[in-house]
Amino acid sequence: MAAPQPRPVPLRDRGGPAGAPAGPSPVPQGADVTVDPAAAVTADPSAPWAHVWQVVHASHLDRRQRVTAWRLLHGQLFVGGFARHVHRADPAGHVCPHPSCAGQLATLTHVFIICPLAAGVWDWFAATWAAVTGDDAPPRSADLLLADDTRIWGPPRQLRQLWDRLRLATICQLWAAYQRGRHQPDAAAITPGAVAARILSSCKKALLADWRLATVNVRQTAGVLSDWLRGRDPMITREQFAARWCHRAVLCALEELPGAQPVIHWSAQHPVPLPA
């Protein structure tokens, strides 16, 4: 019979605060200590995609888009692969409804990245972003576009809010397109151009809503007592609006005159034509 394993030291006999595990003795002052870089990286709990949770909790973004992204990050969107995993729906509902997919299982990566519908939309998204920034287009990567992992590529810091808005709007409209494709008899009518047009319309509404926050005190036009509207002041400055939407005057231009109105340049043809 093997000898019993030694029992751990009782908590009351361990050094340090009550309930704290005993640690090594303090290092004498002036001692030569070598820190292992690998151990330091392992001890850091932060991940390169940890900021994505701050994005889905940002109150200035569209709630429906944030909820869709939150469910995507948790793997809770009811795609065909998830339905098959939980033994729901018939086998015909487990495949992608796009005519070009030839019975491919509708996983999250397929629906949002690999499917020709999603690929065409992301190509338009990348070309639009390159036209706005004048830099290289972002790669079509699931880690970057779905989880916002910026280890391989990252947007400029001053354009972070614009990146979050466009990315979440694209995810939300791709999910809506997949839902329509499952329930419409003619899924071929849903094209990358139709999805991109919905993204364009959604972003224009967000742009106009931001301009209203920059010019109108919504607390005084809500029709209720201002004391009821507590919390963060939703108003933004004209400079903040320009930082969000007017980079290089590609999507929108705003003159520095006091009464100047924004000029929206973003359309179905500019800066990048909608896909077919």
C-alpha atoms as a PDB file:
ATOM      1  CA  MET A   1       0.000   0.000   0.000  1.00  0.00           C
ATOM      2  CA  ALA A   2       1.312   3.449  -0.952  1.00  0.00           C
ATOM      3  CA  ALA A   3       2.168   5.912   1.771  1.00  0.00           C
ATOM      4  CA  PRO A   4      -0.462   8.619   2.369  1.00  0.00           C
ATOM      5  CA  GLN A   5       0.106  12.051   0.909  1.00  0.00           C
ATOM      6  CA  PRO A   6       1.235  14.742   3.385  1.00  0.00           C
ATOM      7  CA  ARG A   7      -1.600  16.923   4.595  1.00  0.00           C
ATOM      8  CA  PRO A   8      -1.450  20.683   3.896  1.00  0.00           C
ATOM      9  CA  VAL A   9      -0.606  23.093   6.663  1.00  0.00           C
ATOM     10  CA  PRO A  10      -3.752  24.359   8.460  1.00  0.00           C
ATOM     11  CA  LEU A  11      -4.848  27.868   7.569  1.00  0.00           C
ATOM     12  CA  ARG A  12      -4.347  29.121  11.108  1.00  0.00           C
ATOM     13  CA  ASP A  13      -0.682  28.100  10.956  1.00  0.00           C
ATOM     14  CA  ARG A  14       0.059  29.787   7.660  1.00  0.00           C
ATOM     15  CA  GLY A  15       1.788  33.155   7.521  1.00  0.00           C
ATOM     16  CA  GLY A  16       0.195  36.401   6.363  1.00  0.00           C
ATOM     17  CA  PRO A  17      -3.419  37.522   6.736  1.00  0.00           C
ATOM     18  CA  ALA A  18      -6.100  35.088   7.858  1.00  0.00           C
ATOM     19  CA  GLY A  19      -7.020  32.702   5.074  1.00  0.00           C
ATOM     20  CA  ALA A  20      -4.136  33.813   2.834  1.00  0.00           C
ATOM     21  CA  PRO A  21      -1.782  31.086   1.593  1.00  0.00           C
ATOM     22  CA  ALA A  22       1.720  31.126   2.916  1.00  0.00           C
ATOM     23  CA  GLY A  23       4.140  32.757   0.510  1.00  0.00           C
ATOM     24  CA  PRO A  24       7.888  33.081   0.231  1.00  0.00           C
ATOM     25  CA  SER A  25       9.715  35.255   2.677  1.00  0.00           C
ATOM     26  CA  PRO A  26      10.154  38.915   1.715  1.00  0.00           C
ATOM     27  CA  VAL A  27      13.161  39.674  -0.474  1.00  0.00           C
ATOM     28  CA  PRO A  28      15.877  41.509   1.452  1.00  0.00           C
ATOM     29  CA  GLN A  29      16.475  45.078   0.361  1.00  0.00           C
ATOM     30  CA  GLY A  30      19.179  45.326  -2.277  1.00  0.00           C
ATOM     31  CA  ALA A  31      18.956  41.665  -3.267  1.00  0.00           C
ATOM     32  CA  ASP A  32      19.378  40.772  -6.952  1.00  0.00           C
ATOM     33  CA  VAL A  33      15.957  39.669  -8.237  1.00  0.00           C
ATOM     34  CA  THR A  34      15.443  38.343 -11.786  1.00  0.00           C
ATOM     35  CA  VAL A  35      11.897  38.593 -13.168  1.00  0.00           C
ATOM     36  CA  ASP A  36      10.782  36.032 -15.718  1.00  0.00           C
ATOM     37  CA  PRO A  37       8.996  37.924 -18.577  1.00  0.00           C
ATOM     38  CA  ALA A  38       6.910  34.853 -19.439  1.00  0.00           C
ATOM     39  CA  ALA A  39       5.647  34.639 -15.862  1.00  0.00           C
ATOM     40  CA  ALA A  40       4.759  38.332 -15.930  1.00  0.00           C
ATOM     41  CA  VAL A  41       2.701  37.894 -19.099  1.00  0.00           C
ATOM     42  CA  THR A  42       0.934  34.864 -17.664  1.00  0.00           C
ATOM     43  CA  ALA A  43       0.048  36.730 -14.496  1.00  0.00           C
ATOM     44  CA  ASP A  44      -1.640  39.544 -16.455  1.00  0.00           C
ATOM     45  CA  PRO A  45      -5.341  38.586 -16.718  1.00  0.00           C
ATOM     46  CA  SER A  46      -6.106  41.080 -19.505  1.00  0.00           C
ATOM     47  CA  ALA A  47      -6.656  39.765 -23.035  1.00  0.00           C
ATOM     48  CA  PRO A  48      -6.206  41.588 -26.352  1.00  0.00           C
ATOM     49  CA  TRP A  49      -9.981  41.417 -26.904  1.00  0.00           C
ATOM     50  CA  ALA A  50     -11.027  42.381 -23.356  1.00  0.00           C
ATOM     51  CA  HIS A  51     -12.049  45.898 -24.455  1.00  0.00           C
ATOM     52  CA  VAL A  52     -14.843  44.420 -26.589  1.00  0.00           C
ATOM     53  CA  TRP A  53     -17.009  44.170 -23.468  1.00  0.00           C
ATOM     54  CA  GLN A  54     -16.695  47.918 -22.958  1.00  0.00           C
ATOM     55  CA  VAL A  55     -17.924  48.400 -26.519  1.00  0.00           C
ATOM     56  CA  VAL A  56     -21.111  46.375 -26.037  1.00  0.00           C
ATOM     57  CA  HIS A  57     -21.835  48.327 -22.842  1.00  0.00           C
ATOM     58  CA  ALA A  58     -21.330  51.787 -24.413  1.00  0.00           C
ATOM     59  CA  SER A  59     -24.635  53.627 -24.013  1.00  0.00           C
ATOM     60  CA  HIS A  60     -24.036  55.966 -26.981  1.00  0.00           C
ATOM     61  CA  LEU A  61     -24.226  53.029 -29.411  1.00  0.00           C
ATOM     62  CA  ASP A  62     -27.402  51.444 -30.756  1.00  0.00           C
ATOM     63  CA  ARG A  63     -28.897  49.050 -28.205  1.00  0.00           C
ATOM     64  CA  ARG A  64     -30.070  46.445 -30.741  1.00  0.00           C
ATOM     65  CA  GLN A  65     -26.607  46.315 -32.267  1.00  0.00           C
ATOM     66  CA  ARG A  66     -24.952  45.959 -28.862  1.00  0.00           C
ATOM     67  CA  VAL A  67     -27.319  43.140 -27.868  1.00  0.00           C
ATOM     68  CA  THR A  68     -26.597  41.282 -31.111  1.00  0.00           C
ATOM     69  CA  ALA A  69     -22.848  41.633 -30.566  1.00  0.00           C
ATOM     70  CA  TRP A  70     -23.205  40.522 -26.928  1.00  0.00           C
ATOM     71  CA  ARG A  71     -25.089  37.382 -27.981  1.00  0.00           C
ATOM     72  CA  LEU A  72     -22.521  36.711 -30.709  1.00  0.00           C
ATOM     73  CA  LEU A  73     -19.639  36.905 -28.222  1.00  0.00           C
ATOM     74  CA  HIS A  74     -21.447  34.404 -25.980  1.00  0.00           C
ATOM     75  CA  GLY A  75     -22.249  32.054 -28.879  1.00  0.00           C
ATOM     76  CA  GLN A  76     -25.975  32.440 -28.252  1.00  0.00           C
ATOM     77  CA  LEU A  77     -27.190  33.404 -31.721  1.00  0.00           C
ATOM     78  CA  PHE A  78     -29.548  30.704 -32.995  1.00  0.00           C
ATOM     79  CA  VAL A  79     -27.711  29.772 -36.188  1.00  0.00           C
ATOM     80  CA  GLY A  80     -28.117  26.379 -37.814  1.00  0.00           C
ATOM     81  CA  GLY A  81     -25.038  24.919 -36.133  1.00  0.00           C
ATOM     82  CA  PHE A  82     -26.377  25.882 -32.720  1.00  0.00           C
ATOM     83  CA  ALA A  83     -29.810  24.437 -33.577  1.00  0.00           C
ATOM     84  CA  ARG A  84     -28.212  21.125 -34.521  1.00  0.00           C
ATOM     85  CA  HIS A  85     -26.160  21.164 -31.302  1.00  0.00           C
ATOM     86  CA  VAL A  86     -29.290  21.479 -29.152  1.00  0.00           C
ATOM     87  CA  HIS A  87     -31.270  19.085 -31.399  1.00  0.00           C
ATOM     88  CA  ARG A  88     -33.746  21.702 -32.600  1.00  0.00           C
ATOM     89  CA  ALA A  89     -35.365  22.226 -36.003  1.00  0.00           C
ATOM     90  CA  ASP A  90     -35.165  19.908 -38.976  1.00  0.00           C
ATOM     91  CA  PRO A  91     -31.882  19.193 -40.785  1.00  0.00           C
ATOM     92  CA  ALA A  92     -32.867  21.588 -43.569  1.00  0.00           C
ATOM     93  CA  GLY A  93     -32.751  24.439 -41.046  1.00  0.00           C
ATOM     94  CA  HIS A  94     -29.167  23.630 -40.069  1.00  0.00           C
ATOM     95  CA  VAL A  95     -27.626  24.759 -43.352  1.00  0.00           C
ATOM     96  CA  CYS A  96     -26.967  28.245 -44.676  1.00  0.00           C
ATOM     97  CA  PRO A  97     -29.917  29.598 -46.707  1.00  0.00           C
ATOM     98  CA  HIS A  98     -27.658  31.341 -49.254  1.00  0.00           C
ATOM     99  CA  PRO A  99     -27.975  29.624 -52.672  1.00  0.00           C
ATOM    100  CA  SER A 100     -24.184  29.522 -53.201  1.00  0.00           C
ATOM    101  CA  CYS A 101     -23.411  27.657 -49.993  1.00  0.00           C
ATOM    102  CA  ALA A 102     -24.564  24.215 -51.215  1.00  0.00           C
ATOM    103  CA  GLY A 103     -25.724  22.816 -47.882  1.00  0.00           C
ATOM    104  CA  GLN A 104     -22.932  24.250 -45.712  1.00  0.00           C
ATOM    105  CA  LEU A 105     -23.557  24.093 -41.970  1.00  0.00           C
ATOM    106  CA  ALA A 106     -24.551  27.556 -40.733  1.00  0.00           C
ATOM    107  CA  THR A 107     -21.978  28.138 -37.993  1.00  0.00           C
ATOM    108  CA  LEU A 108     -21.231  31.594 -36.611  1.00  0.00           C
ATOM    109  CA  THR A 109     -18.013  31.845 -38.630  1.00  0.00           C
ATOM    110  CA  HIS A 110     -19.791  30.756 -41.805  1.00  0.00           C
ATOM    111  CA  VAL A 111     -22.773  33.100 -41.403  1.00  0.00           C
ATOM    112  CA  PHE A 112     -20.717  36.174 -40.479  1.00  0.00           C
ATOM    113  CA  ILE A 113     -17.436  35.656 -42.383  1.00  0.00           C
ATOM    114  CA  ILE A 114     -17.264  32.795 -44.920  1.00  0.00           C
ATOM    115  CA  CYS A 115     -20.685  32.974 -46.579  1.00  0.00           C
ATOM    116  CA  PRO A 116     -20.497  34.799 -49.952  1.00  0.00           C
ATOM    117  CA  LEU A 117     -23.125  37.226 -48.698  1.00  0.00           C
ATOM    118  CA  ALA A 118     -21.048  38.151 -45.648  1.00  0.00           C
ATOM    119  CA  ALA A 119     -17.795  38.161 -47.638  1.00  0.00           C
ATOM    120  CA  GLY A 120     -19.198  40.678 -50.131  1.00  0.00           C
ATOM    121  CA  VAL A 121     -20.448  42.938 -47.333  1.00  0.00           C
ATOM    122  CA  TRP A 122     -17.126  42.857 -45.456  1.00  0.00           C
ATOM    123  CA  ASP A 123     -15.218  43.613 -48.667  1.00  0.00           C
ATOM    124  CA  TRP A 124     -17.349  46.739 -49.112  1.00  0.00           C
ATOM    125  CA  PHE A 125     -16.855  47.561 -45.427  1.00  0.00           C
ATOM    126  CA  ALA A 126     -13.066  47.236 -45.757  1.00  0.00           C
ATOM    127  CA  ALA A 127     -12.943  49.341 -48.926  1.00  0.00           C
ATOM    128  CA  THR A 128     -15.053  52.048 -47.257  1.00  0.00           C
ATOM    129  CA  TRP A 129     -12.792  52.087 -44.217  1.00  0.00           C
ATOM    130  CA  ALA A 130      -9.694  52.349 -46.419  1.00  0.00           C
ATOM    131  CA  ALA A 131     -11.261  55.282 -48.265  1.00  0.00           C
ATOM    132  CA  VAL A 132     -12.031  57.054 -44.982  1.00  0.00           C
ATOM    133  CA  THR A 133      -8.590  56.583 -43.449  1.00  0.00           C
ATOM    134  CA  GLY A 134      -6.387  56.535 -46.545  1.00  0.00           C
ATOM    135  CA  ASP A 135      -4.589  53.490 -45.110  1.00  0.00           C
ATOM    136  CA  ASP A 136      -4.682  49.763 -45.766  1.00  0.00           C
ATOM    137  CA  ALA A 137      -8.013  47.971 -45.516  1.00  0.00           C
ATOM    138  CA  PRO A 138      -8.647  45.724 -42.499  1.00  0.00           C
ATOM    139  CA  PRO A 139      -8.348  41.974 -43.154  1.00  0.00           C
ATOM    140  CA  ARG A 140     -11.426  39.778 -43.281  1.00  0.00           C
ATOM    141  CA  SER A 141     -10.671  37.946 -40.047  1.00  0.00           C
ATOM    142  CA  ALA A 142     -13.191  36.483 -37.602  1.00  0.00           C
ATOM    143  CA  ASP A 143     -10.959  37.417 -34.655  1.00  0.00           C
ATOM    144  CA  LEU A 144     -10.838  41.049 -35.731  1.00  0.00           C
ATOM    145  CA  LEU A 145     -14.337  41.627 -37.099  1.00  0.00           C
ATOM    146  CA  LEU A 146     -16.328  39.557 -34.606  1.00  0.00           C
ATOM    147  CA  ALA A 147     -14.198  39.576 -31.433  1.00  0.00           C
ATOM    148  CA  ASP A 148     -12.375  42.869 -32.096  1.00  0.00           C
ATOM    149  CA  ASP A 149      -8.999  41.231 -31.519  1.00  0.00           C
ATOM    150  CA  THR A 150      -6.554  43.912 -32.677  1.00  0.00           C
ATOM    151  CA  ARG A 151      -3.335  41.888 -32.521  1.00  0.00           C
ATOM    152  CA  ILE A 152      -3.156  41.544 -36.311  1.00  0.00           C
ATOM    153  CA  TRP A 153      -4.667  44.918 -37.198  1.00  0.00           C
ATOM    154  CA  GLY A 154      -6.163  47.834 -35.341  1.00  0.00           C
ATOM    155  CA  PRO A 155      -7.911  51.102 -36.236  1.00  0.00           C
ATOM    156  CA  PRO A 156      -6.340  54.444 -35.354  1.00  0.00           C
ATOM    157  CA  ARG A 157      -7.132  55.539 -31.839  1.00  0.00           C
ATOM    158  CA  GLN A 158      -8.921  58.704 -32.928  1.00  0.00           C
ATOM    159  CA  LEU A 159     -11.252  56.620 -35.147  1.00  0.00           C
ATOM    160  CA  ARG A 160     -12.114  54.007 -32.548  1.00  0.00           C
ATOM    161  CA  GLN A 161     -15.724  55.189 -32.126  1.00  0.00           C
ATOM    162  CA  LEU A 162     -16.335  55.185 -35.877  1.00  0.00           C
ATOM    163  CA  TRP A 163     -14.857  51.684 -36.120  1.00  0.00           C
ATOM    164  CA  ASP A 164     -17.164  50.408 -33.364  1.00  0.00           C
ATOM    165  CA  ARG A 165     -20.237  51.930 -34.996  1.00  0.00           C
ATOM    166  CA  LEU A 166     -19.540  50.537 -38.461  1.00  0.00           C
ATOM    167  CA  ARG A 167     -18.504  47.106 -37.201  1.00  0.00           C
ATOM    168  CA  LEU A 168     -21.556  46.649 -34.943  1.00  0.00           C
ATOM    169  CA  ALA A 169     -23.908  47.927 -37.651  1.00  0.00           C
ATOM    170  CA  THR A 170     -22.469  45.392 -40.100  1.00  0.00           C
ATOM    171  CA  ILE A 171     -22.783  42.503 -37.638  1.00  0.00           C
ATOM    172  CA  CYS A 172     -26.378  43.439 -36.842  1.00  0.00           C
ATOM    173  CA  GLN A 173     -27.427  43.683 -40.493  1.00  0.00           C
ATOM    174  CA  LEU A 174     -25.724  40.397 -41.394  1.00  0.00           C
ATOM    175  CA  TRP A 175     -27.652  38.689 -38.617  1.00  0.00           C
ATOM    176  CA  ALA A 176     -30.909  40.268 -39.835  1.00  0.00           C
ATOM    177  CA  ALA A 177     -30.136  39.108 -43.390  1.00  0.00           C
ATOM    178  CA  TYR A 178     -29.564  35.544 -42.180  1.00  0.00           C
ATOM    179  CA  GLN A 179     -32.888  35.625 -40.343  1.00  0.00           C
ATOM    180  CA  ARG A 180     -34.708  36.883 -43.431  1.00  0.00           C
ATOM    181  CA  GLY A 181     -33.022  34.253 -45.581  1.00  0.00           C
ATOM    182  CA  ARG A 182     -34.283  31.474 -43.328  1.00  0.00           C
ATOM    183  CA  HIS A 183     -37.913  32.606 -43.565  1.00  0.00           C
ATOM    184  CA  GLN A 184     -38.145  33.993 -47.097  1.00  0.00           C
ATOM    185  CA  PRO A 185     -38.744  31.562 -49.958  1.00  0.00           C
ATOM    186  CA  ASP A 186     -36.430  33.467 -52.306  1.00  0.00           C
ATOM    187  CA  ALA A 187     -33.166  33.909 -50.399  1.00  0.00           C
ATOM    188  CA  ALA A 188     -31.360  34.897 -53.605  1.00  0.00           C
ATOM    189  CA  ALA A 189     -33.008  38.330 -53.393  1.00  0.00           C
ATOM    190  CA  ILE A 190     -30.838  39.118 -50.366  1.00  0.00           C
ATOM    191  CA  THR A 191     -27.624  40.412 -51.915  1.00  0.00           C
ATOM    192  CA  PRO A 192     -24.519  42.072 -50.443  1.00  0.00           C
ATOM    193  CA  GLY A 193     -25.712  45.329 -52.000  1.00  0.00           C
ATOM    194  CA  ALA A 194     -29.055  45.142 -50.164  1.00  0.00           C
ATOM    195  CA  VAL A 195     -27.322  44.460 -46.836  1.00  0.00           C
ATOM    196  CA  ALA A 196     -24.788  47.239 -47.421  1.00  0.00           C
ATOM    197  CA  ALA A 197     -27.647  49.654 -48.189  1.00  0.00           C
ATOM    198  CA  ARG A 198     -29.211  48.840 -44.819  1.00  0.00           C
ATOM    199  CA  ILE A 199     -25.856  49.421 -43.098  1.00  0.00           C
ATOM    200  CA  LEU A 200     -25.554  52.778 -44.865  1.00  0.00           C
ATOM    201  CA  SER A 201     -29.067  53.781 -43.791  1.00  0.00           C
ATOM    202  CA  SER A 202     -28.430  52.714 -40.182  1.00  0.00           C
ATOM    203  CA  CYS A 203     -25.177  54.678 -39.978  1.00  0.00           C
ATOM    204  CA  LYS A 204     -26.761  57.783 -41.496  1.00  0.00           C
ATOM    205  CA  LYS A 205     -29.461  57.668 -38.828  1.00  0.00           C
ATOM    206  CA  ALA A 206     -26.762  57.440 -36.154  1.00  0.00           C
ATOM    207  CA  LEU A 207     -24.945  60.380 -37.747  1.00  0.00           C
ATOM    208  CA  LEU A 208     -28.070  62.558 -37.704  1.00  0.00           C
ATOM    209  CA  ALA A 209     -28.835  61.497 -34.130  1.00  0.00           C
ATOM    210  CA  ASP A 210     -25.344  62.560 -33.064  1.00  0.00           C
ATOM    211  CA  TRP A 211     -25.775  65.895 -34.805  1.00  0.00           C
ATOM    212  CA  ARG A 212     -29.011  66.454 -32.897  1.00  0.00           C
ATOM    213  CA  LEU A 213     -27.165  65.794 -29.646  1.00  0.00           C
ATOM    214  CA  ALA A 214     -24.568  68.371 -30.691  1.00  0.00           C
ATOM    215  CA  THR A 215     -27.115  71.105 -31.462  1.00  0.00           C
ATOM    216  CA  VAL A 216     -30.238  70.471 -29.349  1.00  0.00           C
ATOM    217  CA  ASN A 217     -30.612  69.963 -25.619  1.00  0.00           C
ATOM    218  CA  VAL A 218     -32.798  66.846 -25.700  1.00  0.00           C
ATOM    219  CA  ARG A 219     -33.529  67.191 -21.982  1.00  0.00           C
ATOM    220  CA  GLN A 220     -35.522  70.346 -22.696  1.00  0.00           C
ATOM    221  CA  THR A 221     -37.420  68.888 -25.660  1.00  0.00           C
ATOM    222  CA  ALA A 222     -38.383  65.532 -24.142  1.00  0.00           C
ATOM    223  CA  GLY A 223     -41.748  66.778 -22.903  1.00  0.00           C
ATOM    224  CA  VAL A 224     -41.163  65.777 -19.275  1.00  0.00           C
ATOM    225  CA  LEU A 225     -39.717  67.471 -16.219  1.00  0.00           C
ATOM    226  CA  SER A 226     -35.959  67.882 -16.532  1.00  0.00           C
ATOM    227  CA  ASP A 227     -35.546  66.550 -12.974  1.00  0.00           C
ATOM    228  CA  TRP A 228     -36.697  63.158 -14.248  1.00  0.00           C
ATOM    229  CA  LEU A 229     -33.786  62.959 -16.696  1.00  0.00           C
ATOM    230  CA  ARG A 230     -30.818  62.305 -14.482  1.00  0.00           C
ATOM    231  CA  GLY A 231     -27.505  60.638 -15.149  1.00  0.00           C
ATOM    232  CA  ARG A 232     -25.024  61.273 -17.930  1.00  0.00           C
ATOM    233  CA  ASP A 233     -25.597  64.375 -20.027  1.00  0.00           C
ATOM    234  CA  PRO A 234     -26.206  63.075 -23.571  1.00  0.00           C
ATOM    235  CA  MET A 235     -25.085  66.275 -25.303  1.00  0.00           C
ATOM    236  CA  ILE A 236     -21.863  66.303 -27.277  1.00  0.00           C
ATOM    237  CA  THR A 237     -19.864  69.177 -28.739  1.00  0.00           C
ATOM    238  CA  ARG A 238     -19.418  69.986 -32.403  1.00  0.00           C
ATOM    239  CA  GLU A 239     -15.782  68.989 -32.051  1.00  0.00           C
ATOM    240  CA  GLN A 240     -16.794  65.558 -30.757  1.00  0.00           C
ATOM    241  CA  PHE A 241     -19.231  65.146 -33.648  1.00  0.00           C
ATOM    242  CA  ALA A 242     -16.524  66.082 -36.136  1.00  0.00           C
ATOM    243  CA  ALA A 243     -14.118  63.612 -34.538  1.00  0.00           C
ATOM    244  CA  ARG A 244     -16.686  60.833 -34.914  1.00  0.00           C
ATOM    245  CA  TRP A 245     -17.846  61.380 -38.481  1.00  0.00           C
ATOM    246  CA  CYS A 246     -15.795  64.008 -40.341  1.00  0.00           C
ATOM    247  CA  HIS A 247     -12.353  62.420 -40.653  1.00  0.00           C
ATOM    248  CA  ARG A 248     -10.786  63.724 -43.876  1.00  0.00           C
ATOM    249  CA  ALA A 249     -14.319  64.922 -44.864  1.00  0.00           C
ATOM    250  CA  VAL A 250     -14.987  61.610 -46.620  1.00  0.00           C
ATOM    251  CA  LEU A 251     -18.273  60.582 -45.000  1.00  0.00           C
ATOM    252  CA  CYS A 252     -19.315  63.985 -43.718  1.00  0.00           C
ATOM    253  CA  ALA A 253     -17.943  67.547 -43.725  1.00  0.00           C
ATOM    254  CA  LEU A 254     -18.514  70.253 -41.138  1.00  0.00           C
ATOM    255  CA  GLU A 255     -17.212  73.776 -41.484  1.00  0.00           C
ATOM    256  CA  GLU A 256     -15.923  75.634 -38.448  1.00  0.00           C
ATOM    257  CA  LEU A 257     -18.467  78.445 -38.779  1.00  0.00           C
ATOM    258  CA  PRO A 258     -20.852  78.727 -35.776  1.00  0.00           C
ATOM    259  CA  GLY A 259     -24.047  78.015 -37.706  1.00  0.00           C
ATOM    260  CA  ALA A 260     -22.645  75.585 -40.248  1.00  0.00           C
ATOM    261  CA  GLN A 261     -24.627  72.420 -40.976  1.00  0.00           C
ATOM    262  CA  PRO A 262     -23.005  69.057 -41.757  1.00  0.00           C
ATOM    263  CA  VAL A 263     -22.763  68.007 -45.383  1.00  0.00           C
ATOM    264  CA  ILE A 264     -23.200  64.238 -45.723  1.00  0.00           C
ATOM    265  CA  HIS A 265     -21.088  62.863 -48.566  1.00  0.00           C
ATOM    266  CA  TRP A 266     -21.680  59.196 -47.791  1.00  0.00           C
ATOM    267  CA  SER A 267     -23.987  57.690 -50.396  1.00  0.00           C
ATOM    268  CA  ALA A 268     -24.565  54.559 -52.438  1.00  0.00           C
ATOM    269  CA  GLN A 269     -21.764  55.682 -54.795  1.00  0.00           C
ATOM    270  CA  HIS A 270     -19.350  57.544 -52.512  1.00  0.00           C
ATOM    271  CA  PRO A 271     -16.754  56.803 -51.254  1.00  0.00           C
ATOM    272  CA  VAL A 272     -17.245  53.207 -52.425  1.00  0.00           C
ATOM    273  CA  PRO A 273     -20.188  52.007 -54.589  1.00  0.00           C
ATOM    274  CA  LEU A 274     -22.482  49.475 -53.005  1.00  0.00           C
ATOM    275  CA  PRO A 275     -21.677  45.875 -54.001  1.00  0.00           C
ATOM    276  CA  ALA A 276     -23.810  44.064 -56.523  1.00  0.00           C
END
